[in-house]
Amino acid sequence: MNDKTPMWLNIAREIQQLSQTGLAFAANDYEKKRYTRLIEIVSEIIENHSQLEKESVQKYLMNHPGYATPKIDVRAAVIKDNQILLVQESTDKCWTMPGGWADVGDIPSQVAIRETKEESGFDIIPRKVIGVFDANRLGGHLELFHAFKIIFLCNLIGGEARTSDETLDVKFFPLDNLPPLSLNRTNENHIEEIKLHLPDKNRPTYFD
């Protein structure tokens, strides 16, 4: 595994996971104060190694209660005439397969359908899971939470290009001539795996 995550972030994530789970099962005020202090320490670590402020990090971490588990990011690989559908993110002006975080109660394939419609205006049907990726190890900029990424190979069935509050543009691109990618959302490893699946319908699902 090509893990380029810095040691400080691995440590911060592990402490955050332990403190979040500890708060979920804390039996008294003493335990709550102890685990809350651990989250403060995590926030201080992140502040010292990034441009984020401790107070905003702590507030963000405290807004994710309960037993700590990885988040799930779902992406739709929509191919038409050997070109892939990408949307331009408003946050970094780079391009990605449509998709986003799964919500509690979501069916994974429905996330791909919903997010593609919302972000691009197109209607799709998921046909196959191309891969399940460790999003933190092969992504772009670093995230505070651990995440898995599910990529569906999808058929285009209707709709028309339309931007959203989150997207600036919607286009199809040749797989060998892509624009700058929003790497924490879509990267070359994902694209290469898609290329391998297209000519081989029996190719097994990739997983880390």
Protein backbone atom coordinates (compact mmCIF):
# COMPACT_ATOMS: atom_id res chain seq x y z
CA MET A 1 0.00 0.00 0.00
CA ASN A 2 1.30 3.43 -1.02
CA ASP A 3 0.58 5.25 2.22
CA LYS A 4 1.88 8.82 2.12
CA THR A 5 -0.10 9.97 5.15
CA PRO A 6 2.20 11.86 7.56
CA MET A 7 2.76 10.29 10.96
CA TRP A 8 1.23 13.23 12.83
CA LEU A 9 -2.08 12.79 10.99
CA ASN A 10 -2.15 9.03 11.62
CA ILE A 11 -1.62 9.74 15.33
CA ALA A 12 -4.27 12.48 15.37
CA ARG A 13 -6.80 10.22 13.65
CA GLU A 14 -6.19 7.38 16.09
CA ILE A 15 -6.54 9.62 19.14
CA GLN A 16 -9.68 11.17 17.64
CA GLN A 17 -11.17 7.74 17.00
CA LEU A 18 -10.45 6.61 20.57
CA SER A 19 -11.81 9.82 22.08
CA GLN A 20 -14.97 9.84 19.94
CA THR A 21 -15.73 6.23 20.82
CA GLY A 22 -14.86 6.90 24.47
CA LEU A 23 -17.33 9.79 24.61
CA ALA A 24 -20.01 7.56 23.10
CA PHE A 25 -19.66 5.09 25.98
CA ALA A 26 -18.58 7.43 28.79
CA ALA A 27 -20.23 6.42 32.06
CA ASN A 28 -19.67 9.62 34.05
CA ASP A 29 -18.59 13.25 33.86
CA TYR A 30 -14.98 12.38 34.67
CA GLU A 31 -14.72 10.14 31.60
CA LYS A 32 -16.44 12.74 29.42
CA LYS A 33 -13.95 15.42 30.51
CA ARG A 34 -11.02 13.07 29.87
CA TYR A 35 -12.13 12.16 26.35
CA THR A 36 -13.04 15.76 25.57
CA ARG A 37 -9.51 16.74 26.58
CA LEU A 38 -8.18 14.18 24.10
CA ILE A 39 -10.15 15.87 21.34
CA GLU A 40 -8.63 19.17 22.42
CA ILE A 41 -5.17 17.59 22.09
CA VAL A 42 -6.03 16.31 18.60
CA SER A 43 -7.15 19.82 17.64
CA GLU A 44 -3.86 21.25 18.91
CA ILE A 45 -1.88 18.70 16.88
CA ILE A 46 -3.80 19.56 13.72
CA GLU A 47 -3.45 23.31 14.32
CA ASN A 48 0.32 22.95 14.66
CA HIS A 49 0.62 21.08 11.35
CA SER A 50 -1.94 22.90 9.22
CA GLN A 51 -3.59 26.24 8.61
CA LEU A 52 -6.67 25.25 10.58
CA GLU A 53 -7.54 26.87 13.91
CA LYS A 54 -7.83 24.69 16.99
CA GLU A 55 -11.29 25.98 17.94
CA SER A 56 -12.82 25.27 14.52
CA VAL A 57 -11.23 21.79 14.38
CA GLN A 58 -12.50 20.91 17.84
CA LYS A 59 -16.02 22.07 16.99
CA TYR A 60 -15.93 20.01 13.79
CA LEU A 61 -14.75 16.88 15.60
CA MET A 62 -17.30 17.25 18.38
CA ASN A 63 -20.09 17.37 15.77
CA HIS A 64 -19.43 13.70 14.91
CA PRO A 65 -20.62 11.77 17.98
CA GLY A 66 -20.98 8.02 18.38
CA TYR A 67 -18.75 5.06 17.70
CA ALA A 68 -16.04 6.12 15.26
CA THR A 69 -16.16 4.41 11.85
CA PRO A 70 -14.87 5.38 8.38
CA LYS A 71 -17.01 7.63 6.23
CA ILE A 72 -18.23 6.39 2.82
CA ASP A 73 -17.72 8.40 -0.36
CA VAL A 74 -19.62 7.15 -3.44
CA ARG A 75 -18.61 8.07 -7.00
CA ALA A 76 -20.24 7.40 -10.39
CA ALA A 77 -18.07 6.47 -13.39
CA VAL A 78 -20.39 7.40 -16.27
CA ILE A 79 -18.99 6.52 -19.70
CA LYS A 80 -20.38 7.71 -23.06
CA ASP A 81 -18.53 7.14 -26.36
CA ASN A 82 -15.36 6.24 -24.46
CA GLN A 83 -15.51 9.49 -22.53
CA ILE A 84 -16.07 9.94 -18.79
CA LEU A 85 -18.47 12.35 -17.15
CA LEU A 86 -16.75 14.85 -14.84
CA VAL A 87 -18.00 17.84 -12.89
CA GLN A 88 -15.96 20.88 -11.90
CA GLU A 89 -15.97 21.44 -8.14
CA SER A 90 -16.71 24.95 -6.94
CA THR A 91 -14.35 24.54 -3.98
CA ASP A 92 -11.07 23.90 -5.81
CA LYS A 93 -12.05 24.50 -9.49
CA CYS A 94 -10.81 20.99 -10.34
CA TRP A 95 -12.70 18.05 -11.84
CA THR A 96 -14.15 14.86 -10.37
CA MET A 97 -16.58 12.06 -11.02
CA PRO A 98 -19.95 13.09 -9.56
CA GLY A 99 -20.58 11.77 -6.07
CA GLY A 100 -20.35 12.52 -2.38
CA TRP A 101 -20.78 11.29 1.17
CA ALA A 102 -23.37 8.63 1.89
CA ASP A 103 -25.97 9.58 4.47
CA VAL A 104 -27.31 7.30 7.19
CA GLY A 105 -29.96 5.04 5.66
CA ASP A 106 -28.67 5.42 2.09
CA ILE A 107 -28.36 2.51 -0.32
CA PRO A 108 -24.91 2.96 -1.93
CA SER A 109 -26.14 2.74 -5.52
CA GLN A 110 -28.82 5.34 -4.79
CA VAL A 111 -26.12 7.74 -3.59
CA ALA A 112 -24.48 7.48 -7.02
CA ILE A 113 -27.82 8.12 -8.75
CA ARG A 114 -28.77 11.05 -6.51
CA GLU A 115 -25.40 12.78 -6.50
CA THR A 116 -24.99 12.46 -10.27
CA LYS A 117 -28.41 13.99 -10.85
CA GLU A 118 -27.80 16.81 -8.38
CA GLU A 119 -24.28 17.65 -9.56
CA SER A 120 -24.52 17.08 -13.31
CA GLY A 121 -28.19 16.88 -14.33
CA PHE A 122 -27.81 13.40 -15.83
CA ASP A 123 -29.80 10.25 -15.02
CA ILE A 124 -27.85 7.02 -14.59
CA ILE A 125 -28.14 3.36 -13.62
CA PRO A 126 -25.27 1.81 -11.63
CA ARG A 127 -24.20 -1.49 -13.23
CA LYS A 128 -21.12 -2.67 -11.37
CA VAL A 129 -18.84 -1.81 -8.47
CA ILE A 130 -15.47 -1.05 -10.01
CA GLY A 131 -13.63 -0.75 -6.75
CA VAL A 132 -13.60 -0.03 -3.03
CA PHE A 133 -10.66 2.24 -2.24
CA ASP A 134 -9.03 3.49 0.93
CA ALA A 135 -9.70 7.15 0.21
CA ASN A 136 -7.08 8.51 2.62
CA ARG A 137 -4.06 6.66 1.28
CA LEU A 138 -4.37 7.36 -2.43
CA GLY A 139 -6.11 10.72 -2.44
CA GLY A 140 -5.14 14.35 -2.69
CA HIS A 141 -5.23 16.80 0.19
CA LEU A 142 -5.48 15.29 3.64
CA GLU A 143 -8.78 14.68 5.43
CA LEU A 144 -9.33 14.59 9.19
CA PHE A 145 -11.55 11.51 9.04
CA HIS A 146 -10.78 8.11 7.58
CA ALA A 147 -12.90 7.27 4.54
CA PHE A 148 -13.62 4.52 2.03
CA LYS A 149 -14.55 5.27 -1.58
CA ILE A 150 -16.96 3.12 -3.65
CA ILE A 151 -16.90 3.66 -7.42
CA PHE A 152 -19.80 2.40 -9.54
CA LEU A 153 -19.63 1.88 -13.30
CA CYS A 154 -22.85 3.44 -14.55
CA ASN A 155 -24.96 3.69 -17.70
CA LEU A 156 -26.26 7.05 -18.88
CA ILE A 157 -30.03 6.88 -19.43
CA GLY A 158 -31.17 10.50 -19.70
CA GLY A 159 -31.04 14.05 -18.48
CA GLU A 160 -28.94 16.95 -19.69
CA ALA A 161 -25.90 18.82 -18.45
CA ARG A 162 -26.72 21.15 -15.57
CA THR A 163 -24.55 22.66 -12.86
CA SER A 164 -25.44 22.96 -9.18
CA ASP A 165 -24.45 24.91 -6.08
CA GLU A 166 -21.44 22.58 -5.79
CA THR A 167 -20.39 22.40 -9.45
CA LEU A 168 -19.23 25.03 -11.96
CA ASP A 169 -19.26 22.95 -15.13
CA VAL A 170 -20.26 19.52 -16.51
CA LYS A 171 -18.43 17.80 -19.38
CA PHE A 172 -17.39 14.46 -20.87
CA PHE A 173 -13.63 13.96 -21.33
CA PRO A 174 -11.51 11.31 -23.09
CA LEU A 175 -9.99 9.02 -20.46
CA ASP A 176 -6.51 9.77 -21.79
CA ASN A 177 -6.98 13.55 -21.86
CA LEU A 178 -8.40 14.63 -18.52
CA PRO A 179 -8.46 18.10 -16.96
CA PRO A 180 -6.84 18.79 -13.54
CA LEU A 181 -8.47 16.39 -11.08
CA SER A 182 -9.77 17.13 -7.60
CA LEU A 183 -7.51 14.44 -6.22
CA ASN A 184 -9.21 13.73 -2.91
CA ARG A 185 -12.38 12.98 -4.90
CA THR A 186 -11.03 11.40 -8.11
CA ASN A 187 -7.43 10.48 -8.88
CA GLU A 188 -5.37 8.61 -11.46
CA ASN A 189 -5.63 5.31 -9.56
CA HIS A 190 -9.41 5.43 -9.91
CA ILE A 191 -9.19 6.33 -13.59
CA GLU A 192 -6.71 3.54 -14.35
CA GLU A 193 -8.98 0.98 -12.69
CA ILE A 194 -11.93 2.24 -14.74
CA LYS A 195 -9.89 1.81 -17.93
CA LEU A 196 -9.20 -1.81 -17.02
CA HIS A 197 -12.87 -2.57 -16.41
CA LEU A 198 -14.25 -1.12 -19.63
CA PRO A 199 -12.88 -3.79 -22.03
CA ASP A 200 -13.23 -6.61 -19.48
CA LYS A 201 -16.76 -7.09 -18.18
CA ASN A 202 -15.61 -10.01 -16.03
CA ARG A 203 -12.83 -8.12 -14.29
CA PRO A 204 -13.28 -8.54 -10.52
CA THR A 205 -13.98 -5.59 -8.27
CA TYR A 206 -10.80 -3.89 -7.05
CA PHE A 207 -10.32 -3.55 -3.31
CA ASP A 208 -7.43 -2.39 -1.12
